[in-house]
Amino acid sequence: MEIKVPSFYWLDTWVLGNIIQIATQDFCEKYLDRKNDPCGRQYDQMTQAARSVPANIAEGVSRHSTSKETEMKLSDVARASLSELTNDYINWILRHGSFPWSIKSTEYKEVQAVRMEHPDYKEDVLYNSSVHIMAQKQKFDQWLTGNDSLVEANCIVILCRRLSIMLRRQIINQFETFREEGGFTEKLTAERLANRTEKSVEENAPECPKCGKPMIRRVAQKGKNSGKEFWSCSAYPDCNGTKSID
């Protein structure tokens, strides 16, 4: 039996998210110790924020067929985790008497110029995707594998900013798809409401004076007629036609 592989493996955002997670785990293992992180809280917070990025991208895409709204929310959670992680690295840079690289600096331009290859796994996706992630990470290893925490922190900040922009575009695309097609959950809700409305229409219900559709009985919730029944258009809220019940 063929096992279907989730589509997030082919996303550049997921690949870069994994690179940032691995780089953050290496960074924390090298530079956080009992002296500067006695309770291990910063280690936990940074590694968990880094883990949240590819994890939420993967979960969001996995929910694509059931709820595009949830997919967008999880993509946004991944982006928020990136912001948290970026702030931790900027704090590290400032605490060590330095500043993040200027966008005009040689170092910034060199990292920014590195381009990743798009996944092309063909068969054996689980293995080939792992090979691909590490191959793309090697493109940044000259900044990530030394013993200078400031260089590593600056490089990861640039990667976080790049991924944040990519995720923003991804969320915009998800929204456009949602606006045009909706999602399974949203369509199910609409179908349920339509079915409920259909069952509420009485056999001799009058037609709406505005649009001509059959009307259903409702009870006024406020105003001088609160508690009284009235006829309301079954197409509400698209049509707000009403009629009194004699």
C-alpha atoms as a PDB file:
ATOM      1  CA  MET A   1       0.000   0.000   0.000  1.00  0.00           C
ATOM      2  CA  GLU A   2       1.358   3.398  -1.007  1.00  0.00           C
ATOM      3  CA  ILE A   3       1.883   5.852   1.874  1.00  0.00           C
ATOM      4  CA  LYS A   4       0.914   9.400   0.997  1.00  0.00           C
ATOM      5  CA  VAL A   5       3.561  11.898   2.096  1.00  0.00           C
ATOM      6  CA  PRO A   6       2.270  15.261   3.430  1.00  0.00           C
ATOM      7  CA  SER A   7       2.777  18.162   1.029  1.00  0.00           C
ATOM      8  CA  PHE A   8       4.657  20.351   3.539  1.00  0.00           C
ATOM      9  CA  TYR A   9       7.870  18.453   2.735  1.00  0.00           C
ATOM     10  CA  TRP A  10       8.022  20.413  -0.536  1.00  0.00           C
ATOM     11  CA  LEU A  11       7.632  23.839   1.070  1.00  0.00           C
ATOM     12  CA  ASP A  12      10.699  26.088   1.131  1.00  0.00           C
ATOM     13  CA  THR A  13       9.315  27.587   4.338  1.00  0.00           C
ATOM     14  CA  TRP A  14       9.345  24.192   6.060  1.00  0.00           C
ATOM     15  CA  VAL A  15      12.882  23.489   4.863  1.00  0.00           C
ATOM     16  CA  LEU A  16      14.183  26.843   6.117  1.00  0.00           C
ATOM     17  CA  GLY A  17      12.263  26.385   9.364  1.00  0.00           C
ATOM     18  CA  ASN A  18      14.153  23.135   9.956  1.00  0.00           C
ATOM     19  CA  ILE A  19      17.473  24.831   9.216  1.00  0.00           C
ATOM     20  CA  ILE A  20      16.696  27.530  11.802  1.00  0.00           C
ATOM     21  CA  GLN A  21      15.674  24.880  14.337  1.00  0.00           C
ATOM     22  CA  ILE A  22      18.896  22.893  13.893  1.00  0.00           C
ATOM     23  CA  ALA A  23      21.018  26.057  13.995  1.00  0.00           C
ATOM     24  CA  THR A  24      19.265  27.200  17.187  1.00  0.00           C
ATOM     25  CA  GLN A  25      19.743  23.826  18.886  1.00  0.00           C
ATOM     26  CA  ASP A  26      23.461  23.945  18.023  1.00  0.00           C
ATOM     27  CA  PHE A  27      23.706  27.572  19.210  1.00  0.00           C
ATOM     28  CA  CYS A  28      22.077  26.843  22.566  1.00  0.00           C
ATOM     29  CA  GLU A  29      24.182  23.737  23.190  1.00  0.00           C
ATOM     30  CA  LYS A  30      27.388  25.683  22.478  1.00  0.00           C
ATOM     31  CA  TYR A  31      26.778  28.968  24.223  1.00  0.00           C
ATOM     32  CA  LEU A  32      24.195  28.558  26.995  1.00  0.00           C
ATOM     33  CA  ASP A  33      25.504  27.175  30.280  1.00  0.00           C
ATOM     34  CA  ARG A  34      24.905  27.336  34.030  1.00  0.00           C
ATOM     35  CA  LYS A  35      26.589  30.715  34.225  1.00  0.00           C
ATOM     36  CA  ASN A  36      24.437  32.647  31.718  1.00  0.00           C
ATOM     37  CA  ASP A  37      21.377  30.374  31.874  1.00  0.00           C
ATOM     38  CA  PRO A  38      21.419  28.784  35.361  1.00  0.00           C
ATOM     39  CA  CYS A  39      17.863  27.414  35.239  1.00  0.00           C
ATOM     40  CA  GLY A  40      17.919  26.436  31.576  1.00  0.00           C
ATOM     41  CA  ARG A  41      14.875  28.585  30.806  1.00  0.00           C
ATOM     42  CA  GLN A  42      16.427  30.478  27.921  1.00  0.00           C
ATOM     43  CA  TYR A  43      17.577  27.196  26.386  1.00  0.00           C
ATOM     44  CA  ASP A  44      14.046  25.799  26.609  1.00  0.00           C
ATOM     45  CA  GLN A  45      12.391  28.966  25.295  1.00  0.00           C
ATOM     46  CA  MET A  46      14.700  29.373  22.309  1.00  0.00           C
ATOM     47  CA  THR A  47      14.668  25.722  21.250  1.00  0.00           C
ATOM     48  CA  GLN A  48      10.883  25.495  21.692  1.00  0.00           C
ATOM     49  CA  ALA A  49      10.310  28.693  19.691  1.00  0.00           C
ATOM     50  CA  ALA A  50      12.552  27.291  16.946  1.00  0.00           C
ATOM     51  CA  ARG A  51      10.720  23.948  17.033  1.00  0.00           C
ATOM     52  CA  SER A  52       7.367  25.734  16.786  1.00  0.00           C
ATOM     53  CA  VAL A  53       8.223  27.138  13.364  1.00  0.00           C
ATOM     54  CA  PRO A  54       8.454  23.959  11.218  1.00  0.00           C
ATOM     55  CA  ALA A  55       5.967  22.173  13.484  1.00  0.00           C
ATOM     56  CA  ASN A  56       3.204  24.731  12.904  1.00  0.00           C
ATOM     57  CA  ILE A  57       3.971  24.994   9.195  1.00  0.00           C
ATOM     58  CA  ALA A  58       3.607  21.216   8.941  1.00  0.00           C
ATOM     59  CA  GLU A  59       0.421  21.079  11.029  1.00  0.00           C
ATOM     60  CA  GLY A  60      -1.118  23.989   9.132  1.00  0.00           C
ATOM     61  CA  VAL A  61      -0.564  22.383   5.738  1.00  0.00           C
ATOM     62  CA  SER A  62      -1.871  19.074   7.095  1.00  0.00           C
ATOM     63  CA  ARG A  63      -5.120  20.861   7.992  1.00  0.00           C
ATOM     64  CA  HIS A  64      -5.440  22.344   4.493  1.00  0.00           C
ATOM     65  CA  SER A  65      -8.199  19.977   3.376  1.00  0.00           C
ATOM     66  CA  THR A  66     -10.310  20.370   6.535  1.00  0.00           C
ATOM     67  CA  SER A  67      -9.967  24.047   7.421  1.00  0.00           C
ATOM     68  CA  LYS A  68      -8.078  26.695   5.503  1.00  0.00           C
ATOM     69  CA  GLU A  69      -8.797  29.115   8.345  1.00  0.00           C
ATOM     70  CA  THR A  70      -6.877  26.866  10.747  1.00  0.00           C
ATOM     71  CA  GLU A  71      -4.084  26.567   8.175  1.00  0.00           C
ATOM     72  CA  MET A  72      -3.694  30.350   8.095  1.00  0.00           C
ATOM     73  CA  LYS A  73      -3.769  30.617  11.889  1.00  0.00           C
ATOM     74  CA  LEU A  74      -1.028  27.998  12.310  1.00  0.00           C
ATOM     75  CA  SER A  75       1.117  29.681   9.661  1.00  0.00           C
ATOM     76  CA  ASP A  76       0.731  32.901  11.640  1.00  0.00           C
ATOM     77  CA  VAL A  77       1.711  31.082  14.862  1.00  0.00           C
ATOM     78  CA  ALA A  78       4.901  29.964  13.106  1.00  0.00           C
ATOM     79  CA  ARG A  79       5.582  33.576  12.123  1.00  0.00           C
ATOM     80  CA  ALA A  80       4.985  34.764  15.694  1.00  0.00           C
ATOM     81  CA  SER A  81       7.437  32.143  17.000  1.00  0.00           C
ATOM     82  CA  LEU A  82      10.009  33.492  14.548  1.00  0.00           C
ATOM     83  CA  SER A  83       9.559  36.994  15.985  1.00  0.00           C
ATOM     84  CA  GLU A  84      10.087  35.657  19.509  1.00  0.00           C
ATOM     85  CA  LEU A  85      13.210  33.782  18.443  1.00  0.00           C
ATOM     86  CA  THR A  86      14.584  36.784  16.544  1.00  0.00           C
ATOM     87  CA  ASN A  87      14.227  38.940  19.655  1.00  0.00           C
ATOM     88  CA  ASP A  88      16.188  36.384  21.705  1.00  0.00           C
ATOM     89  CA  TYR A  89      19.089  36.532  19.246  1.00  0.00           C
ATOM     90  CA  ILE A  90      19.022  40.329  19.085  1.00  0.00           C
ATOM     91  CA  ASN A  91      19.083  40.408  22.879  1.00  0.00           C
ATOM     92  CA  TRP A  92      22.123  38.113  22.846  1.00  0.00           C
ATOM     93  CA  ILE A  93      23.912  40.416  20.393  1.00  0.00           C
ATOM     94  CA  LEU A  94      23.148  43.529  22.454  1.00  0.00           C
ATOM     95  CA  ARG A  95      24.168  41.871  25.735  1.00  0.00           C
ATOM     96  CA  HIS A  96      27.570  41.143  24.224  1.00  0.00           C
ATOM     97  CA  GLY A  97      28.175  44.775  23.357  1.00  0.00           C
ATOM     98  CA  SER A  98      27.444  44.548  19.658  1.00  0.00           C
ATOM     99  CA  PHE A  99      24.675  45.413  17.190  1.00  0.00           C
ATOM    100  CA  PRO A 100      22.867  43.409  14.514  1.00  0.00           C
ATOM    101  CA  TRP A 101      24.540  43.604  11.122  1.00  0.00           C
ATOM    102  CA  SER A 102      23.432  46.557   9.035  1.00  0.00           C
ATOM    103  CA  ILE A 103      21.741  45.738   5.758  1.00  0.00           C
ATOM    104  CA  LYS A 104      24.572  47.720   4.153  1.00  0.00           C
ATOM    105  CA  SER A 105      27.291  45.583   5.739  1.00  0.00           C
ATOM    106  CA  THR A 106      29.317  43.049   3.753  1.00  0.00           C
ATOM    107  CA  GLU A 107      28.366  40.242   6.134  1.00  0.00           C
ATOM    108  CA  TYR A 108      24.634  40.903   5.773  1.00  0.00           C
ATOM    109  CA  LYS A 109      24.829  41.054   1.974  1.00  0.00           C
ATOM    110  CA  GLU A 110      26.811  37.800   1.801  1.00  0.00           C
ATOM    111  CA  VAL A 111      24.290  35.845   3.884  1.00  0.00           C
ATOM    112  CA  GLN A 112      21.351  37.454   2.122  1.00  0.00           C
ATOM    113  CA  ALA A 113      22.810  36.522  -1.272  1.00  0.00           C
ATOM    114  CA  VAL A 114      22.770  32.797  -0.505  1.00  0.00           C
ATOM    115  CA  ARG A 115      19.901  31.114  -2.339  1.00  0.00           C
ATOM    116  CA  MET A 116      18.334  27.795  -1.463  1.00  0.00           C
ATOM    117  CA  GLU A 117      17.414  25.153  -4.019  1.00  0.00           C
ATOM    118  CA  HIS A 118      13.787  24.099  -4.328  1.00  0.00           C
ATOM    119  CA  PRO A 119      13.048  20.501  -3.183  1.00  0.00           C
ATOM    120  CA  ASP A 120      12.979  17.767  -5.822  1.00  0.00           C
ATOM    121  CA  TYR A 121      12.661  14.526  -3.884  1.00  0.00           C
ATOM    122  CA  LYS A 122      11.123  12.148  -6.434  1.00  0.00           C
ATOM    123  CA  GLU A 123      11.086   8.887  -4.472  1.00  0.00           C
ATOM    124  CA  ASP A 124      12.062   8.118  -0.853  1.00  0.00           C
ATOM    125  CA  VAL A 125      10.815  11.479   0.381  1.00  0.00           C
ATOM    126  CA  LEU A 126      11.635  11.063   4.079  1.00  0.00           C
ATOM    127  CA  TYR A 127      15.282  10.312   3.348  1.00  0.00           C
ATOM    128  CA  ASN A 128      15.746  12.761   0.483  1.00  0.00           C
ATOM    129  CA  SER A 129      14.056  15.625   2.351  1.00  0.00           C
ATOM    130  CA  SER A 130      16.523  15.176   5.217  1.00  0.00           C
ATOM    131  CA  VAL A 131      19.434  15.178   2.769  1.00  0.00           C
ATOM    132  CA  HIS A 132      18.010  18.303   1.153  1.00  0.00           C
ATOM    133  CA  ILE A 133      17.637  20.149   4.484  1.00  0.00           C
ATOM    134  CA  MET A 134      21.254  19.462   5.452  1.00  0.00           C
ATOM    135  CA  ALA A 135      22.500  20.375   1.959  1.00  0.00           C
ATOM    136  CA  GLN A 136      20.748  23.745   2.190  1.00  0.00           C
ATOM    137  CA  LYS A 137      22.047  24.291   5.719  1.00  0.00           C
ATOM    138  CA  GLN A 138      25.614  23.749   4.485  1.00  0.00           C
ATOM    139  CA  LYS A 139      25.214  26.868   2.361  1.00  0.00           C
ATOM    140  CA  PHE A 140      25.190  28.874   5.627  1.00  0.00           C
ATOM    141  CA  ASP A 141      27.639  26.753   7.632  1.00  0.00           C
ATOM    142  CA  GLN A 142      30.511  29.193   7.197  1.00  0.00           C
ATOM    143  CA  TRP A 143      28.562  31.519   9.500  1.00  0.00           C
ATOM    144  CA  LEU A 144      26.849  28.857  11.642  1.00  0.00           C
ATOM    145  CA  THR A 145      29.581  26.378  12.557  1.00  0.00           C
ATOM    146  CA  GLY A 146      32.371  28.573  13.903  1.00  0.00           C
ATOM    147  CA  ASN A 147      32.973  29.579  17.500  1.00  0.00           C
ATOM    148  CA  ASP A 148      31.772  33.168  17.257  1.00  0.00           C
ATOM    149  CA  SER A 149      28.324  33.456  18.839  1.00  0.00           C
ATOM    150  CA  LEU A 150      27.776  36.934  17.387  1.00  0.00           C
ATOM    151  CA  VAL A 151      28.351  35.771  13.824  1.00  0.00           C
ATOM    152  CA  GLU A 152      26.008  32.815  14.338  1.00  0.00           C
ATOM    153  CA  ALA A 153      23.334  34.960  15.995  1.00  0.00           C
ATOM    154  CA  ASN A 154      23.462  37.522  13.198  1.00  0.00           C
ATOM    155  CA  CYS A 155      23.187  34.839  10.539  1.00  0.00           C
ATOM    156  CA  ILE A 156      20.154  33.255  12.227  1.00  0.00           C
ATOM    157  CA  VAL A 157      18.503  36.669  12.599  1.00  0.00           C
ATOM    158  CA  ILE A 158      18.792  37.142   8.828  1.00  0.00           C
ATOM    159  CA  LEU A 159      17.342  33.660   8.213  1.00  0.00           C
ATOM    160  CA  CYS A 160      14.464  34.391  10.591  1.00  0.00           C
ATOM    161  CA  ARG A 161      13.675  37.641   8.786  1.00  0.00           C
ATOM    162  CA  ARG A 162      13.816  35.878   5.418  1.00  0.00           C
ATOM    163  CA  LEU A 163      11.460  33.144   6.587  1.00  0.00           C
ATOM    164  CA  SER A 164       9.086  35.683   8.132  1.00  0.00           C
ATOM    165  CA  ILE A 165       8.712  37.365   4.727  1.00  0.00           C
ATOM    166  CA  MET A 166       8.193  33.979   3.041  1.00  0.00           C
ATOM    167  CA  LEU A 167       5.515  33.033   5.571  1.00  0.00           C
ATOM    168  CA  ARG A 168       3.741  36.340   5.077  1.00  0.00           C
ATOM    169  CA  ARG A 169       3.484  35.603   1.350  1.00  0.00           C
ATOM    170  CA  GLN A 170       2.336  32.073   2.126  1.00  0.00           C
ATOM    171  CA  ILE A 171      -0.433  33.371   4.409  1.00  0.00           C
ATOM    172  CA  ILE A 172      -1.567  35.840   1.722  1.00  0.00           C
ATOM    173  CA  ASN A 173      -1.803  32.977  -0.801  1.00  0.00           C
ATOM    174  CA  GLN A 174      -3.710  30.867   1.729  1.00  0.00           C
ATOM    175  CA  PHE A 175      -6.125  33.728   2.310  1.00  0.00           C
ATOM    176  CA  GLU A 176      -6.754  34.193  -1.411  1.00  0.00           C
ATOM    177  CA  THR A 177      -7.500  30.470  -1.752  1.00  0.00           C
ATOM    178  CA  PHE A 178      -9.784  30.611   1.284  1.00  0.00           C
ATOM    179  CA  ARG A 179     -11.623  33.637  -0.089  1.00  0.00           C
ATOM    180  CA  GLU A 180     -12.240  31.931  -3.421  1.00  0.00           C
ATOM    181  CA  GLU A 181     -12.912  28.358  -2.299  1.00  0.00           C
ATOM    182  CA  GLY A 182     -13.581  28.349   1.439  1.00  0.00           C
ATOM    183  CA  GLY A 183     -12.634  25.209   3.344  1.00  0.00           C
ATOM    184  CA  PHE A 184     -14.166  21.906   4.362  1.00  0.00           C
ATOM    185  CA  THR A 185     -15.155  23.124   7.830  1.00  0.00           C
ATOM    186  CA  GLU A 186     -16.519  26.389   6.511  1.00  0.00           C
ATOM    187  CA  LYS A 187     -18.512  24.635   3.758  1.00  0.00           C
ATOM    188  CA  LEU A 188     -19.840  22.123   6.289  1.00  0.00           C
ATOM    189  CA  THR A 189     -21.052  24.962   8.517  1.00  0.00           C
ATOM    190  CA  ALA A 190     -22.766  26.671   5.590  1.00  0.00           C
ATOM    191  CA  GLU A 191     -24.419  23.395   4.562  1.00  0.00           C
ATOM    192  CA  ARG A 192     -25.625  22.786   8.112  1.00  0.00           C
ATOM    193  CA  LEU A 193     -27.106  26.284   8.350  1.00  0.00           C
ATOM    194  CA  ALA A 194     -28.795  25.894   4.968  1.00  0.00           C
ATOM    195  CA  ASN A 195     -30.282  22.562   6.062  1.00  0.00           C
ATOM    196  CA  ARG A 196     -31.499  24.077   9.327  1.00  0.00           C
ATOM    197  CA  THR A 197     -33.109  26.970   7.442  1.00  0.00           C
ATOM    198  CA  GLU A 198     -34.778  24.598   4.983  1.00  0.00           C
ATOM    199  CA  LYS A 199     -36.322  22.595   7.819  1.00  0.00           C
ATOM    200  CA  SER A 200     -37.549  25.787   9.484  1.00  0.00           C
ATOM    201  CA  VAL A 201     -39.615  26.876   6.471  1.00  0.00           C
ATOM    202  CA  GLU A 202     -43.291  26.098   7.091  1.00  0.00           C
ATOM    203  CA  GLU A 203     -45.575  24.753   4.392  1.00  0.00           C
ATOM    204  CA  ASN A 204     -47.688  27.907   4.130  1.00  0.00           C
ATOM    205  CA  ALA A 205     -44.948  30.402   4.967  1.00  0.00           C
ATOM    206  CA  PRO A 206     -45.328  33.773   3.198  1.00  0.00           C
ATOM    207  CA  GLU A 207     -42.811  35.035   0.654  1.00  0.00           C
ATOM    208  CA  CYS A 208     -40.304  37.699   1.605  1.00  0.00           C
ATOM    209  CA  PRO A 209     -41.539  41.116   0.475  1.00  0.00           C
ATOM    210  CA  LYS A 210     -37.984  42.033  -0.553  1.00  0.00           C
ATOM    211  CA  CYS A 211     -36.563  39.004  -2.354  1.00  0.00           C
ATOM    212  CA  GLY A 212     -39.474  36.566  -2.681  1.00  0.00           C
ATOM    213  CA  LYS A 213     -37.842  33.687  -0.786  1.00  0.00           C
ATOM    214  CA  PRO A 214     -39.887  31.769   1.812  1.00  0.00           C
ATOM    215  CA  MET A 215     -39.898  33.165   5.341  1.00  0.00           C
ATOM    216  CA  ILE A 216     -39.376  31.471   8.704  1.00  0.00           C
ATOM    217  CA  ARG A 217     -40.621  32.251  12.177  1.00  0.00           C
ATOM    218  CA  ARG A 218     -38.225  33.997  14.521  1.00  0.00           C
ATOM    219  CA  VAL A 219     -38.550  35.539  17.979  1.00  0.00           C
ATOM    220  CA  ALA A 220     -37.522  39.140  18.557  1.00  0.00           C
ATOM    221  CA  GLN A 221     -34.681  39.316  21.079  1.00  0.00           C
ATOM    222  CA  LYS A 222     -34.881  43.019  21.939  1.00  0.00           C
ATOM    223  CA  GLY A 223     -36.848  46.209  21.411  1.00  0.00           C
ATOM    224  CA  LYS A 224     -40.517  46.845  22.024  1.00  0.00           C
ATOM    225  CA  ASN A 225     -41.446  43.543  20.348  1.00  0.00           C
ATOM    226  CA  SER A 226     -39.036  41.461  22.414  1.00  0.00           C
ATOM    227  CA  GLY A 227     -40.373  37.918  22.909  1.00  0.00           C
ATOM    228  CA  LYS A 228     -42.863  38.156  20.044  1.00  0.00           C
ATOM    229  CA  GLU A 229     -42.755  36.029  16.909  1.00  0.00           C
ATOM    230  CA  PHE A 230     -42.325  37.551  13.452  1.00  0.00           C
ATOM    231  CA  TRP A 231     -41.658  36.396   9.926  1.00  0.00           C
ATOM    232  CA  SER A 232     -38.024  36.727   8.796  1.00  0.00           C
ATOM    233  CA  CYS A 233     -36.516  36.064   5.385  1.00  0.00           C
ATOM    234  CA  SER A 234     -34.857  32.630   5.212  1.00  0.00           C
ATOM    235  CA  ALA A 235     -31.961  34.277   3.348  1.00  0.00           C
ATOM    236  CA  TYR A 236     -31.003  36.390   6.383  1.00  0.00           C
ATOM    237  CA  PRO A 237     -28.424  37.987   6.808  1.00  0.00           C
ATOM    238  CA  ASP A 238     -28.168  38.484   3.020  1.00  0.00           C
ATOM    239  CA  CYS A 239     -31.747  39.745   3.070  1.00  0.00           C
ATOM    240  CA  ASN A 240     -33.312  41.457   6.099  1.00  0.00           C
ATOM    241  CA  GLY A 241     -36.929  41.304   4.932  1.00  0.00           C
ATOM    242  CA  THR A 242     -39.473  40.904   7.764  1.00  0.00           C
ATOM    243  CA  LYS A 243     -43.222  40.616   8.136  1.00  0.00           C
ATOM    244  CA  SER A 244     -45.474  40.713  11.171  1.00  0.00           C
ATOM    245  CA  ILE A 245     -47.417  37.646  12.225  1.00  0.00           C
ATOM    246  CA  ASP A 246     -51.115  38.471  12.500  1.00  0.00           C
END
